[in-house]
Structures are given as C-alpha cells and as structure tokens.
Amino acid sequence: MLNTNEDKSQAFMSTLFLPPPPQSSVPQDYRYPMLEAQWSTITKDQLACTIKNLSPYKAPGPDGVPNIVFQKSPVLSGYLLHLFNAVFMLKTYYDPWRESMMECGFLTTVILCKPGKADYTMLKAYHPIALLNTTAKLLLAIIAENTTYILEKHQLLLGTHFGG
C-alpha cells in the first residue's frame, strides 16, 4: 500500500508513462530522399470542417477555452485562418502554445479514474489525459489531416498501418 503522495506519484509515473523506445537502428547521418510534397495553405473550408468536427464540450486545456467557442463564433475563423497560415509562412510556433504542451518536461497531464472499475486502488483503474490549449489543438488537427493526406498520396504508409 502506498501512503505518501511521492510514492503514489512515482507509481502513476511508472505505470502510465512508458520509457522511451530503444535507439533506432537507422544511422544518425542517414540522408532521406527529398519528398516532392507541397504543404498547401490552410483553406476556409478546411478550417470550417475541422471546427465542425470538434467535440463541443470536450475538456479545455490550460487556456480554458472550450471547443464550443469556435463553433458558435464564426467571426473567429477569419482570424484563426490568418494566424494558422502565418505559423507556416513565418516558420514559427506561438510560445504560449508550446509552453502549454510542456510543463516540467512532460505534457500538461491530469490523471482521471476510468469509469466502472471495481478497484480504484489499482493503478490500471486510471488513465492520463494530456491537456493542450484549444487553439493549438485546432491547428494540430489540421496539421495531422494535411500530413496524412501527403503520406497517403505518396504511399509512405505501410499497408498494415492503422490509426494514429
């Protein structure tokens, strides 16, 4: 039985956060062939579709902005479109979004109970939820969509690839 908060947090860390994978067998100086893929600008339609597909009441990140704000405030879309495209044109990433992703070297994470578990003294009865600022999550969803499109177009995924 774990009694101190320190012992409990160490148990959660070792159970829920796996160690990094072993070093790759690919040589460090390996030169990958250049991919002839163009990263297109984000369109109004793409942004609108991504916003529409957000879960409206999903837990917001550290910024406290729920997804429903974007869904009920279409005037924000024009500003977001310019902001997101500027990220790629200027080749930069907004510092507060980056900071929301990292806290003490880890993603900002909360531990939640899994519903319906018989024994909540077991570590496997919990799961971690990583919190990101909502605006950053929106941009990352668009990046994931564009990346998937490029990978599929150039047949860079294995036939057995499934999911994220």
Foldseek 3Di string as FASTA:
>chain_A
DDDDPVVVVVVLCPPAPDDDDDDDPDDPPDDDDDDPDDDDQDDLVNLLVLLVPDDQAPQAFPVRDGSVVCVVDVVCSVVLSVVLRCCVVVVHDDVVQVVCQDDPRHAPKDKAAQPPDPDPVDSVRIHIDGHTHPSVVSSVVSVVVSVVVSCVVVVVDDPPDDDD
